[in-house]
Amino acid sequence: MSRKKNAPNENSLSPSDLFAMESTLLAMERTKLAIDRTLLAYIRTSLTFFAAAAALIEFFDKSIKFKITAYITIFLGAILLLIGFYNYYRSKKSIKKIQLFK
């Protein structure tokens, strides 16, 4: 009943190995939080576009130029929102792939 000497267990890891493992886990958590913050920034920006469009429509409803600008702003806000969610799910998928290889 011999054990492999090369197989690491928790008791055989050196403090520097434990520190490296912990640093990697913390870096992964920081990356996940950064991805979440980026999604929130996209949402905040798109909501700003929507609010600007609503203000243009509400206060300048007589001018056709402002209405066109408002609808373009709504379109840009929707595009930004879609881009944000696309980047979020793409980043989450790549993080999961990285975690599976470890």
C-alpha atoms as a PDB file:
ATOM      1  CA  MET A   1       0.000   0.000   0.000  1.00  0.00           C
ATOM      2  CA  SER A   2       2.343   2.634  -1.183  1.00  0.00           C
ATOM      3  CA  ARG A   3       1.331   6.116  -2.085  1.00  0.00           C
ATOM      4  CA  LYS A   4       2.681   8.061  -4.995  1.00  0.00           C
ATOM      5  CA  LYS A   5       5.234  10.554  -3.776  1.00  0.00           C
ATOM      6  CA  ASN A   6       4.500  12.985  -6.615  1.00  0.00           C
ATOM      7  CA  ALA A   7       0.792  13.364  -5.857  1.00  0.00           C
ATOM      8  CA  PRO A   8       0.326  16.576  -3.871  1.00  0.00           C
ATOM      9  CA  ASN A   9      -2.042  16.733  -0.961  1.00  0.00           C
ATOM     10  CA  GLU A  10      -2.889  19.589   1.330  1.00  0.00           C
ATOM     11  CA  ASN A  11      -0.281  18.579   3.902  1.00  0.00           C
ATOM     12  CA  SER A  12       2.586  18.396   1.399  1.00  0.00           C
ATOM     13  CA  LEU A  13       2.098  21.826  -0.191  1.00  0.00           C
ATOM     14  CA  SER A  14       4.591  24.475   0.735  1.00  0.00           C
ATOM     15  CA  PRO A  15       3.409  27.879   1.937  1.00  0.00           C
ATOM     16  CA  SER A  16       4.482  29.466  -1.352  1.00  0.00           C
ATOM     17  CA  ASP A  17       2.365  26.926  -3.292  1.00  0.00           C
ATOM     18  CA  LEU A  18      -0.637  27.691  -1.090  1.00  0.00           C
ATOM     19  CA  PHE A  19      -0.077  31.422  -1.596  1.00  0.00           C
ATOM     20  CA  ALA A  20       0.101  30.962  -5.378  1.00  0.00           C
ATOM     21  CA  MET A  21      -3.132  28.961  -5.393  1.00  0.00           C
ATOM     22  CA  GLU A  22      -4.892  31.541  -3.239  1.00  0.00           C
ATOM     23  CA  SER A  23      -3.606  34.388  -5.414  1.00  0.00           C
ATOM     24  CA  THR A  24      -4.950  32.657  -8.521  1.00  0.00           C
ATOM     25  CA  LEU A  25      -8.358  32.182  -6.930  1.00  0.00           C
ATOM     26  CA  LEU A  26      -8.474  35.812  -5.815  1.00  0.00           C
ATOM     27  CA  ALA A  27      -7.446  36.993  -9.286  1.00  0.00           C
ATOM     28  CA  MET A  28     -10.278  34.957 -10.794  1.00  0.00           C
ATOM     29  CA  GLU A  29     -12.764  36.511  -8.369  1.00  0.00           C
ATOM     30  CA  ARG A  30     -11.489  40.005  -9.196  1.00  0.00           C
ATOM     31  CA  THR A  31     -11.940  39.233 -12.879  1.00  0.00           C
ATOM     32  CA  LYS A  32     -15.521  38.079 -12.309  1.00  0.00           C
ATOM     33  CA  LEU A  33     -16.307  41.256 -10.372  1.00  0.00           C
ATOM     34  CA  ALA A  34     -14.737  43.383 -13.117  1.00  0.00           C
ATOM     35  CA  ILE A  35     -16.954  41.683 -15.701  1.00  0.00           C
ATOM     36  CA  ASP A  36     -20.011  42.447 -13.564  1.00  0.00           C
ATOM     37  CA  ARG A  37     -18.961  46.093 -13.177  1.00  0.00           C
ATOM     38  CA  THR A  38     -18.503  46.401 -16.916  1.00  0.00           C
ATOM     39  CA  LEU A  39     -22.021  45.095 -17.535  1.00  0.00           C
ATOM     40  CA  LEU A  40     -23.393  47.604 -15.031  1.00  0.00           C
ATOM     41  CA  ALA A  41     -21.527  50.401 -16.826  1.00  0.00           C
ATOM     42  CA  TYR A  42     -23.109  49.372 -20.138  1.00  0.00           C
ATOM     43  CA  ILE A  43     -26.555  49.341 -18.507  1.00  0.00           C
ATOM     44  CA  ARG A  44     -25.979  52.743 -16.898  1.00  0.00           C
ATOM     45  CA  THR A  45     -24.836  54.234 -20.216  1.00  0.00           C
ATOM     46  CA  SER A  46     -27.785  52.838 -22.141  1.00  0.00           C
ATOM     47  CA  LEU A  47     -30.187  54.151 -19.496  1.00  0.00           C
ATOM     48  CA  THR A  48     -28.584  57.573 -19.893  1.00  0.00           C
ATOM     49  CA  PHE A  49     -29.238  57.402 -23.624  1.00  0.00           C
ATOM     50  CA  PHE A  50     -32.863  56.435 -22.972  1.00  0.00           C
ATOM     51  CA  ALA A  51     -33.298  59.310 -20.502  1.00  0.00           C
ATOM     52  CA  ALA A  52     -31.787  61.780 -22.962  1.00  0.00           C
ATOM     53  CA  ALA A  53     -34.159  60.546 -25.661  1.00  0.00           C
ATOM     54  CA  ALA A  54     -37.134  60.873 -23.339  1.00  0.00           C
ATOM     55  CA  ALA A  55     -36.108  64.445 -22.499  1.00  0.00           C
ATOM     56  CA  LEU A  56     -35.753  65.316 -26.172  1.00  0.00           C
ATOM     57  CA  ILE A  57     -39.157  63.886 -26.998  1.00  0.00           C
ATOM     58  CA  GLU A  58     -40.851  65.488 -23.984  1.00  0.00           C
ATOM     59  CA  PHE A  59     -39.450  68.994 -24.249  1.00  0.00           C
ATOM     60  CA  PHE A  60     -38.875  69.372 -27.984  1.00  0.00           C
ATOM     61  CA  ASP A  61     -41.797  67.485 -29.495  1.00  0.00           C
ATOM     62  CA  LYS A  62     -42.505  70.206 -32.093  1.00  0.00           C
ATOM     63  CA  SER A  63     -39.125  69.956 -33.811  1.00  0.00           C
ATOM     64  CA  ILE A  64     -38.597  67.057 -36.222  1.00  0.00           C
ATOM     65  CA  LYS A  65     -34.798  67.327 -35.823  1.00  0.00           C
ATOM     66  CA  PHE A  66     -35.016  66.657 -32.100  1.00  0.00           C
ATOM     67  CA  LYS A  67     -37.421  63.758 -32.646  1.00  0.00           C
ATOM     68  CA  ILE A  68     -35.031  62.149 -35.128  1.00  0.00           C
ATOM     69  CA  THR A  69     -32.160  62.714 -32.706  1.00  0.00           C
ATOM     70  CA  ALA A  70     -34.225  61.150 -29.908  1.00  0.00           C
ATOM     71  CA  TYR A  71     -35.019  58.038 -31.931  1.00  0.00           C
ATOM     72  CA  ILE A  72     -31.385  57.659 -32.949  1.00  0.00           C
ATOM     73  CA  THR A  73     -30.453  57.993 -29.269  1.00  0.00           C
ATOM     74  CA  ILE A  74     -32.955  55.277 -28.330  1.00  0.00           C
ATOM     75  CA  PHE A  75     -31.489  53.036 -31.023  1.00  0.00           C
ATOM     76  CA  LEU A  76     -27.934  53.666 -29.783  1.00  0.00           C
ATOM     77  CA  GLY A  77     -28.992  52.950 -26.195  1.00  0.00           C
ATOM     78  CA  ALA A  78     -30.524  49.627 -27.248  1.00  0.00           C
ATOM     79  CA  ILE A  79     -27.405  48.715 -29.242  1.00  0.00           C
ATOM     80  CA  LEU A  80     -25.190  49.536 -26.249  1.00  0.00           C
ATOM     81  CA  LEU A  81     -27.344  47.377 -24.024  1.00  0.00           C
ATOM     82  CA  LEU A  82     -27.114  44.441 -26.425  1.00  0.00           C
ATOM     83  CA  ILE A  83     -23.352  44.853 -26.766  1.00  0.00           C
ATOM     84  CA  GLY A  84     -23.018  44.913 -22.979  1.00  0.00           C
ATOM     85  CA  PHE A  85     -24.953  41.681 -22.508  1.00  0.00           C
ATOM     86  CA  TYR A  86     -23.089  40.033 -25.382  1.00  0.00           C
ATOM     87  CA  ASN A  87     -19.712  40.936 -23.845  1.00  0.00           C
ATOM     88  CA  TYR A  88     -20.893  39.812 -20.417  1.00  0.00           C
ATOM     89  CA  TYR A  89     -21.978  36.345 -21.527  1.00  0.00           C
ATOM     90  CA  ARG A  90     -18.936  35.927 -23.775  1.00  0.00           C
ATOM     91  CA  SER A  91     -16.617  36.820 -20.880  1.00  0.00           C
ATOM     92  CA  LYS A  92     -18.444  34.524 -18.448  1.00  0.00           C
ATOM     93  CA  LYS A  93     -18.151  31.674 -20.950  1.00  0.00           C
ATOM     94  CA  SER A  94     -14.406  32.214 -21.380  1.00  0.00           C
ATOM     95  CA  ILE A  95     -13.928  32.342 -17.583  1.00  0.00           C
ATOM     96  CA  LYS A  96     -15.722  29.007 -17.249  1.00  0.00           C
ATOM     97  CA  LYS A  97     -13.456  27.497 -19.917  1.00  0.00           C
ATOM     98  CA  ILE A  98     -10.387  28.716 -18.050  1.00  0.00           C
ATOM     99  CA  GLN A  99     -11.666  27.248 -14.776  1.00  0.00           C
ATOM    100  CA  LEU A 100     -12.306  23.888 -16.427  1.00  0.00           C
ATOM    101  CA  PHE A 101      -8.715  23.616 -17.634  1.00  0.00           C
ATOM    102  CA  LYS A 102      -7.284  24.103 -14.155  1.00  0.00           C
END
